[in-house]
Amino acid sequence: MVKRDKAFYRAPMKIVAISDTHERHKLITLPDGDVLVHAGDITKNGSIDAIREFAAFMQQAPHTHKIVIAGNHDFCFENELTGEAEEILRQSGVIYLRDSGVTIDGVKFWGSPWQPWFFDWAFNLQRGSELAEKWALIPEDTNVLITHGPPYEVSDCTIEGLHVGCEELSKRIEQLHHLKLHIFGHIHEGYGIVKLGGVTYANASICDVRYRPVNAPLTLFA
C-alpha cells in the first residue's frame, strides 16, 4: 500500500479576496471562507483613523485567518506611522505582510506592496532593477502571491488602454513553479479572474475607476 502524505487529503482552502476598498469596506458583503485577503488601498490617503476603522471591520469578519498588504494610497504603512498602523492590525488579529510570508494549513502565502512608479504615491519603485530586487525575495515555493499591483499584461489595462503592470513581476512569476494563485488590485478597471499557465490571477478591486464599490469579493481556492 502506498502511504500518502496527509496534505494529499486536505480540502481546498477557500480564500475570499478584496482590494482597493478605499474606506468603503462597510458596503461590502463578504462571503464565508477560510482566509480573507486584502491586497491594498485600504484608505483614501493613508489616514491612521481609517486603519482603526478598517481593523474593527476585519476583526468582525468571520474568516479564521485574515491577511493584509498595503497599497499606494496607504501612506501610513510607509511613513512615521508605520509601527502604529501595523500594530493596530496585529491587535485585531490581522496578519500584515510586507515582503514577508506566512504558511496556513500548508499553503504558503507571500505579500508585497510595491508597484511601478505611480505619480507620487506610497510604495513606488522604478521599473527594472529596483522592482526586480523586491520580487527576488519571493520564495520559490510560494503557493499564493499577494501584491498590490498586477503583472504586465494581466488585468492591468487602464481606461486609456494602457498596460501598466510590472514586467519584472511577470518574469519572477515564471520562475515560481509552485504558484497557484496571484491576488492583486491597483488597476480598478482590471477587476476579475484570469487563468494562465496553471496560475489563477485575481484582480480583486472592489471600487471601479470612479471609486464606486460596485465589484463583489472574489472567491478562490488553493
C-alpha atoms as a PDB file:
ATOM      1  CA  MET A   1       0.000   0.000   0.000  1.00  0.00           C
ATOM      2  CA  VAL A   2       1.271   3.458  -0.911  1.00  0.00           C
ATOM      3  CA  LYS A   3       1.421   5.742   2.110  1.00  0.00           C
ATOM      4  CA  ARG A   4       0.103   9.182   1.210  1.00  0.00           C
ATOM      5  CA  ASP A   5       1.109  12.448   2.832  1.00  0.00           C
ATOM      6  CA  LYS A   6      -1.749  13.760   4.967  1.00  0.00           C
ATOM      7  CA  ALA A   7      -1.625  17.004   2.989  1.00  0.00           C
ATOM      8  CA  PHE A   8      -2.787  14.993  -0.027  1.00  0.00           C
ATOM      9  CA  TYR A   9      -6.223  14.732   1.559  1.00  0.00           C
ATOM     10  CA  ARG A  10      -6.526  18.390   2.574  1.00  0.00           C
ATOM     11  CA  ALA A  11      -9.773  20.004   1.495  1.00  0.00           C
ATOM     12  CA  PRO A  12      -9.291  23.050  -0.771  1.00  0.00           C
ATOM     13  CA  MET A  13      -8.733  26.273   1.150  1.00  0.00           C
ATOM     14  CA  LYS A  14     -11.454  28.832   0.429  1.00  0.00           C
ATOM     15  CA  ILE A  15      -9.978  32.313   0.025  1.00  0.00           C
ATOM     16  CA  VAL A  16     -12.058  35.496  -0.154  1.00  0.00           C
ATOM     17  CA  ALA A  17     -10.132  38.278  -1.908  1.00  0.00           C
ATOM     18  CA  ILE A  18     -10.765  42.026  -1.812  1.00  0.00           C
ATOM     19  CA  SER A  19      -8.644  45.039  -2.723  1.00  0.00           C
ATOM     20  CA  ASP A  20      -8.910  48.783  -3.294  1.00  0.00           C
ATOM     21  CA  THR A  21     -11.771  49.330  -0.866  1.00  0.00           C
ATOM     22  CA  HIS A  22     -10.702  52.954  -0.190  1.00  0.00           C
ATOM     23  CA  GLU A  23     -12.619  53.206   3.121  1.00  0.00           C
ATOM     24  CA  ARG A  24     -15.806  51.762   1.611  1.00  0.00           C
ATOM     25  CA  HIS A  25     -15.388  48.365   3.254  1.00  0.00           C
ATOM     26  CA  LYS A  26     -18.640  48.678   5.218  1.00  0.00           C
ATOM     27  CA  LEU A  27     -20.558  48.489   1.939  1.00  0.00           C
ATOM     28  CA  ILE A  28     -19.093  45.072   1.102  1.00  0.00           C
ATOM     29  CA  THR A  29     -20.918  41.805   1.704  1.00  0.00           C
ATOM     30  CA  LEU A  30     -18.262  39.226   2.482  1.00  0.00           C
ATOM     31  CA  PRO A  31     -18.866  35.574   1.596  1.00  0.00           C
ATOM     32  CA  ASP A  32     -17.724  32.912   4.037  1.00  0.00           C
ATOM     33  CA  GLY A  33     -14.268  31.436   3.665  1.00  0.00           C
ATOM     34  CA  ASP A  34     -11.175  30.183   5.442  1.00  0.00           C
ATOM     35  CA  VAL A  35      -8.893  33.139   4.627  1.00  0.00           C
ATOM     36  CA  LEU A  36      -9.787  36.778   3.931  1.00  0.00           C
ATOM     37  CA  VAL A  37      -7.165  38.624   1.854  1.00  0.00           C
ATOM     38  CA  HIS A  38      -6.979  42.387   1.268  1.00  0.00           C
ATOM     39  CA  ALA A  39      -4.473  43.363  -1.436  1.00  0.00           C
ATOM     40  CA  GLY A  40      -4.019  47.022  -0.505  1.00  0.00           C
ATOM     41  CA  ASP A  41      -5.507  50.510  -0.826  1.00  0.00           C
ATOM     42  CA  ILE A  42      -7.436  50.258   2.394  1.00  0.00           C
ATOM     43  CA  THR A  43      -7.570  54.044   2.711  1.00  0.00           C
ATOM     44  CA  LYS A  44      -8.106  57.122   0.585  1.00  0.00           C
ATOM     45  CA  ASN A  45      -4.959  58.945   1.693  1.00  0.00           C
ATOM     46  CA  GLY A  46      -3.273  56.948   4.457  1.00  0.00           C
ATOM     47  CA  SER A  47      -5.242  58.116   7.487  1.00  0.00           C
ATOM     48  CA  ILE A  48      -4.450  56.220  10.698  1.00  0.00           C
ATOM     49  CA  ASP A  49      -8.069  56.674  11.776  1.00  0.00           C
ATOM     50  CA  ALA A  50      -9.131  54.873   8.614  1.00  0.00           C
ATOM     51  CA  ILE A  51      -6.874  51.972   9.594  1.00  0.00           C
ATOM     52  CA  ARG A  52      -8.510  51.776  13.020  1.00  0.00           C
ATOM     53  CA  GLU A  53     -11.953  51.620  11.432  1.00  0.00           C
ATOM     54  CA  PHE A  54     -10.817  49.030   8.907  1.00  0.00           C
ATOM     55  CA  ALA A  55      -9.210  46.921  11.644  1.00  0.00           C
ATOM     56  CA  ALA A  56     -12.527  46.798  13.505  1.00  0.00           C
ATOM     57  CA  PHE A  57     -14.224  45.647  10.300  1.00  0.00           C
ATOM     58  CA  MET A  58     -11.640  42.897   9.804  1.00  0.00           C
ATOM     59  CA  GLN A  59     -11.886  41.797  13.419  1.00  0.00           C
ATOM     60  CA  GLN A  60     -15.620  41.234  12.998  1.00  0.00           C
ATOM     61  CA  ALA A  61     -15.194  39.234   9.785  1.00  0.00           C
ATOM     62  CA  PRO A  62     -15.907  35.527  10.418  1.00  0.00           C
ATOM     63  CA  HIS A  63     -12.898  34.189   8.494  1.00  0.00           C
ATOM     64  CA  THR A  64     -10.388  32.173  10.510  1.00  0.00           C
ATOM     65  CA  HIS A  65      -7.373  33.931   9.005  1.00  0.00           C
ATOM     66  CA  LYS A  66      -7.047  37.481   7.674  1.00  0.00           C
ATOM     67  CA  ILE A  67      -4.114  38.717   5.569  1.00  0.00           C
ATOM     68  CA  VAL A  68      -3.481  42.319   4.524  1.00  0.00           C
ATOM     69  CA  ILE A  69      -0.869  44.159   2.484  1.00  0.00           C
ATOM     70  CA  ALA A  70      -0.636  47.907   1.884  1.00  0.00           C
ATOM     71  CA  GLY A  71      -1.243  49.764  -1.368  1.00  0.00           C
ATOM     72  CA  ASN A  72      -0.156  53.027  -2.937  1.00  0.00           C
ATOM     73  CA  HIS A  73      -2.825  55.028  -1.047  1.00  0.00           C
ATOM     74  CA  ASP A  74      -1.784  53.605   2.328  1.00  0.00           C
ATOM     75  CA  PHE A  75       0.924  56.098   3.292  1.00  0.00           C
ATOM     76  CA  CYS A  76       0.631  55.280   6.996  1.00  0.00           C
ATOM     77  CA  PHE A  77       2.380  51.954   6.334  1.00  0.00           C
ATOM     78  CA  GLU A  78       5.393  53.688   4.799  1.00  0.00           C
ATOM     79  CA  ASN A  79       5.838  56.894   6.828  1.00  0.00           C
ATOM     80  CA  GLU A  80       6.400  57.662  10.526  1.00  0.00           C
ATOM     81  CA  LEU A  81       3.073  55.993  11.411  1.00  0.00           C
ATOM     82  CA  THR A  82       4.170  52.583  10.111  1.00  0.00           C
ATOM     83  CA  GLY A  83       4.675  50.979  13.508  1.00  0.00           C
ATOM     84  CA  GLU A  84       1.335  52.214  14.822  1.00  0.00           C
ATOM     85  CA  ALA A  85      -0.558  51.117  11.700  1.00  0.00           C
ATOM     86  CA  GLU A  86       0.955  47.636  11.784  1.00  0.00           C
ATOM     87  CA  GLU A  87       0.216  47.255  15.496  1.00  0.00           C
ATOM     88  CA  ILE A  88      -3.438  48.229  15.008  1.00  0.00           C
ATOM     89  CA  LEU A  89      -3.820  45.379  12.536  1.00  0.00           C
ATOM     90  CA  ARG A  90      -1.970  42.881  14.708  1.00  0.00           C
ATOM     91  CA  GLN A  91      -4.148  43.668  17.712  1.00  0.00           C
ATOM     92  CA  SER A  92      -7.192  42.967  15.550  1.00  0.00           C
ATOM     93  CA  GLY A  93      -5.924  39.531  14.597  1.00  0.00           C
ATOM     94  CA  VAL A  94      -4.792  40.537  11.112  1.00  0.00           C
ATOM     95  CA  ILE A  95      -1.610  39.174   9.520  1.00  0.00           C
ATOM     96  CA  TYR A  96       0.202  42.091   7.861  1.00  0.00           C
ATOM     97  CA  LEU A  97       2.701  41.149   5.158  1.00  0.00           C
ATOM     98  CA  ARG A  98       5.400  43.401   3.743  1.00  0.00           C
ATOM     99  CA  ASP A  99       7.933  41.400   1.750  1.00  0.00           C
ATOM    100  CA  SER A 100       7.160  38.542   4.094  1.00  0.00           C
ATOM    101  CA  GLY A 101       5.184  35.342   4.212  1.00  0.00           C
ATOM    102  CA  VAL A 102       3.001  33.079   6.297  1.00  0.00           C
ATOM    103  CA  THR A 103       2.043  29.411   5.991  1.00  0.00           C
ATOM    104  CA  ILE A 104      -1.559  28.458   6.760  1.00  0.00           C
ATOM    105  CA  ASP A 105      -2.571  24.794   6.724  1.00  0.00           C
ATOM    106  CA  GLY A 106       0.343  24.001   4.439  1.00  0.00           C
ATOM    107  CA  VAL A 107      -0.410  26.808   1.949  1.00  0.00           C
ATOM    108  CA  LYS A 108       2.434  29.303   1.607  1.00  0.00           C
ATOM    109  CA  PHE A 109       1.432  32.961   1.203  1.00  0.00           C
ATOM    110  CA  TRP A 110       3.748  35.862   0.328  1.00  0.00           C
ATOM    111  CA  GLY A 111       2.761  39.537   0.352  1.00  0.00           C
ATOM    112  CA  SER A 112       4.410  42.657  -1.067  1.00  0.00           C
ATOM    113  CA  PRO A 113       3.071  46.224  -1.560  1.00  0.00           C
ATOM    114  CA  TRP A 114       5.353  47.569  -4.313  1.00  0.00           C
ATOM    115  CA  GLN A 115       4.391  48.689  -7.807  1.00  0.00           C
ATOM    116  CA  PRO A 116       5.957  50.615 -10.715  1.00  0.00           C
ATOM    117  CA  TRP A 117       6.174  54.349 -10.066  1.00  0.00           C
ATOM    118  CA  PHE A 118       2.654  55.777  -9.999  1.00  0.00           C
ATOM    119  CA  PHE A 119       2.509  59.572  -9.561  1.00  0.00           C
ATOM    120  CA  ASP A 120       3.885  60.360  -6.067  1.00  0.00           C
ATOM    121  CA  TRP A 121       2.086  57.688  -4.058  1.00  0.00           C
ATOM    122  CA  ALA A 122       3.330  55.166  -1.490  1.00  0.00           C
ATOM    123  CA  PHE A 123       5.383  52.053  -2.214  1.00  0.00           C
ATOM    124  CA  ASN A 124       6.578  53.282  -5.606  1.00  0.00           C
ATOM    125  CA  LEU A 125       9.732  51.917  -7.209  1.00  0.00           C
ATOM    126  CA  GLN A 126      11.281  52.485 -10.608  1.00  0.00           C
ATOM    127  CA  ARG A 127      10.789  49.825 -13.265  1.00  0.00           C
ATOM    128  CA  GLY A 128      13.707  47.490 -13.751  1.00  0.00           C
ATOM    129  CA  SER A 129      16.257  46.584 -11.095  1.00  0.00           C
ATOM    130  CA  GLU A 130      14.518  48.301  -8.138  1.00  0.00           C
ATOM    131  CA  LEU A 131      11.403  46.198  -8.530  1.00  0.00           C
ATOM    132  CA  ALA A 132      13.341  43.081  -9.552  1.00  0.00           C
ATOM    133  CA  GLU A 133      15.150  43.198  -6.189  1.00  0.00           C
ATOM    134  CA  LYS A 134      11.823  43.082  -4.337  1.00  0.00           C
ATOM    135  CA  TRP A 135      10.414  40.257  -6.439  1.00  0.00           C
ATOM    136  CA  ALA A 136      13.615  38.246  -5.953  1.00  0.00           C
ATOM    137  CA  LEU A 137      12.623  37.987  -2.280  1.00  0.00           C
ATOM    138  CA  ILE A 138       9.567  35.888  -3.178  1.00  0.00           C
ATOM    139  CA  PRO A 139      10.334  32.286  -2.168  1.00  0.00           C
ATOM    140  CA  GLU A 140      10.315  29.767  -4.991  1.00  0.00           C
ATOM    141  CA  ASP A 141       7.827  27.542  -3.137  1.00  0.00           C
ATOM    142  CA  THR A 142       5.165  30.258  -2.787  1.00  0.00           C
ATOM    143  CA  ASN A 143       1.630  28.999  -3.451  1.00  0.00           C
ATOM    144  CA  VAL A 144      -0.360  32.230  -3.077  1.00  0.00           C
ATOM    145  CA  LEU A 145       1.216  35.556  -4.039  1.00  0.00           C
ATOM    146  CA  ILE A 146      -0.372  38.824  -2.911  1.00  0.00           C
ATOM    147  CA  THR A 147       0.865  42.068  -4.468  1.00  0.00           C
ATOM    148  CA  HIS A 148      -0.844  45.404  -4.780  1.00  0.00           C
ATOM    149  CA  GLY A 149      -0.149  45.828  -8.473  1.00  0.00           C
ATOM    150  CA  PRO A 150      -0.606  43.367 -11.341  1.00  0.00           C
ATOM    151  CA  PRO A 151       1.991  41.718 -13.548  1.00  0.00           C
ATOM    152  CA  TYR A 152       2.417  43.065 -17.061  1.00  0.00           C
ATOM    153  CA  GLU A 153      -0.482  42.429 -19.452  1.00  0.00           C
ATOM    154  CA  VAL A 154      -2.595  40.554 -16.889  1.00  0.00           C
ATOM    155  CA  SER A 155      -5.658  42.505 -15.730  1.00  0.00           C
ATOM    156  CA  ASP A 156      -3.543  45.668 -15.903  1.00  0.00           C
ATOM    157  CA  CYS A 157      -5.208  47.662 -18.699  1.00  0.00           C
ATOM    158  CA  THR A 158      -6.293  51.192 -17.781  1.00  0.00           C
ATOM    159  CA  ILE A 159      -9.335  53.009 -19.104  1.00  0.00           C
ATOM    160  CA  GLU A 160      -6.967  54.677 -21.594  1.00  0.00           C
ATOM    161  CA  GLY A 161      -5.999  51.254 -22.966  1.00  0.00           C
ATOM    162  CA  LEU A 162      -2.505  51.215 -21.455  1.00  0.00           C
ATOM    163  CA  HIS A 163      -0.903  48.132 -19.901  1.00  0.00           C
ATOM    164  CA  VAL A 164       0.754  49.359 -16.703  1.00  0.00           C
ATOM    165  CA  GLY A 165       1.603  46.124 -14.887  1.00  0.00           C
ATOM    166  CA  CYS A 166       5.106  45.192 -13.823  1.00  0.00           C
ATOM    167  CA  GLU A 167       7.348  43.399 -16.317  1.00  0.00           C
ATOM    168  CA  GLU A 168       9.776  42.283 -13.608  1.00  0.00           C
ATOM    169  CA  LEU A 169       6.923  40.742 -11.630  1.00  0.00           C
ATOM    170  CA  SER A 170       5.894  38.739 -14.690  1.00  0.00           C
ATOM    171  CA  LYS A 171       9.445  37.433 -15.048  1.00  0.00           C
ATOM    172  CA  ARG A 172       9.564  36.340 -11.423  1.00  0.00           C
ATOM    173  CA  ILE A 173       6.190  34.593 -11.625  1.00  0.00           C
ATOM    174  CA  GLU A 174       7.527  32.455 -14.482  1.00  0.00           C
ATOM    175  CA  GLN A 175      10.111  31.122 -12.012  1.00  0.00           C
ATOM    176  CA  LEU A 176       7.576  30.245  -9.284  1.00  0.00           C
ATOM    177  CA  HIS A 177       6.689  26.691 -10.228  1.00  0.00           C
ATOM    178  CA  HIS A 178       4.540  26.089  -7.118  1.00  0.00           C
ATOM    179  CA  LEU A 179       2.433  29.215  -7.588  1.00  0.00           C
ATOM    180  CA  LYS A 180      -1.298  28.560  -7.912  1.00  0.00           C
ATOM    181  CA  LEU A 181      -2.883  31.916  -7.152  1.00  0.00           C
ATOM    182  CA  HIS A 182      -1.887  35.572  -7.557  1.00  0.00           C
ATOM    183  CA  ILE A 183      -4.127  38.158  -5.866  1.00  0.00           C
ATOM    184  CA  PHE A 184      -3.764  41.896  -6.577  1.00  0.00           C
ATOM    185  CA  GLY A 185      -5.697  45.088  -7.339  1.00  0.00           C
ATOM    186  CA  HIS A 186      -4.494  48.654  -8.023  1.00  0.00           C
ATOM    187  CA  ILE A 187      -5.906  48.867 -11.564  1.00  0.00           C
ATOM    188  CA  HIS A 188      -9.617  49.078 -10.845  1.00  0.00           C
ATOM    189  CA  GLU A 189     -10.553  48.536 -14.490  1.00  0.00           C
ATOM    190  CA  GLY A 190      -8.914  45.098 -14.447  1.00  0.00           C
ATOM    191  CA  TYR A 191     -11.299  43.508 -11.934  1.00  0.00           C
ATOM    192  CA  GLY A 192     -11.907  39.812 -12.418  1.00  0.00           C
ATOM    193  CA  ILE A 193     -10.275  36.393 -12.693  1.00  0.00           C
ATOM    194  CA  VAL A 194      -7.918  35.164 -15.428  1.00  0.00           C
ATOM    195  CA  LYS A 195      -6.297  31.726 -15.656  1.00  0.00           C
ATOM    196  CA  LEU A 196      -2.965  31.471 -17.461  1.00  0.00           C
ATOM    197  CA  GLY A 197      -0.353  28.741 -17.464  1.00  0.00           C
ATOM    198  CA  GLY A 198      -1.698  26.969 -14.411  1.00  0.00           C
ATOM    199  CA  VAL A 199      -1.919  30.154 -12.328  1.00  0.00           C
ATOM    200  CA  THR A 200      -5.171  31.877 -11.363  1.00  0.00           C
ATOM    201  CA  TYR A 201      -4.806  35.672 -11.438  1.00  0.00           C
ATOM    202  CA  ALA A 202      -7.372  37.624  -9.422  1.00  0.00           C
ATOM    203  CA  ASN A 203      -7.740  41.400  -9.634  1.00  0.00           C
ATOM    204  CA  ALA A 204      -9.928  41.889  -6.567  1.00  0.00           C
ATOM    205  CA  SER A 205     -10.515  45.664  -6.821  1.00  0.00           C
ATOM    206  CA  ILE A 206     -13.815  46.451  -5.125  1.00  0.00           C
ATOM    207  CA  CYS A 207     -14.003  50.041  -6.391  1.00  0.00           C
ATOM    208  CA  ASP A 208     -14.371  50.880 -10.057  1.00  0.00           C
ATOM    209  CA  VAL A 209     -12.475  53.646 -11.827  1.00  0.00           C
ATOM    210  CA  ARG A 210     -14.827  56.230 -10.242  1.00  0.00           C
ATOM    211  CA  TYR A 211     -14.165  54.792  -6.771  1.00  0.00           C
ATOM    212  CA  ARG A 212     -17.647  53.288  -6.516  1.00  0.00           C
ATOM    213  CA  PRO A 213     -17.664  49.998  -4.560  1.00  0.00           C
ATOM    214  CA  VAL A 214     -19.530  48.077  -7.251  1.00  0.00           C
ATOM    215  CA  ASN A 215     -17.445  44.888  -7.556  1.00  0.00           C
ATOM    216  CA  ALA A 216     -18.043  41.797  -5.448  1.00  0.00           C
ATOM    217  CA  PRO A 217     -15.363  39.993  -3.410  1.00  0.00           C
ATOM    218  CA  LEU A 218     -13.755  37.121  -5.313  1.00  0.00           C
ATOM    219  CA  THR A 219     -13.932  33.571  -4.006  1.00  0.00           C
ATOM    220  CA  LEU A 220     -10.887  31.455  -4.844  1.00  0.00           C
ATOM    221  CA  PHE A 221      -9.420  28.108  -3.844  1.00  0.00           C
ATOM    222  CA  ALA A 222      -5.887  26.964  -3.016  1.00  0.00           C
END
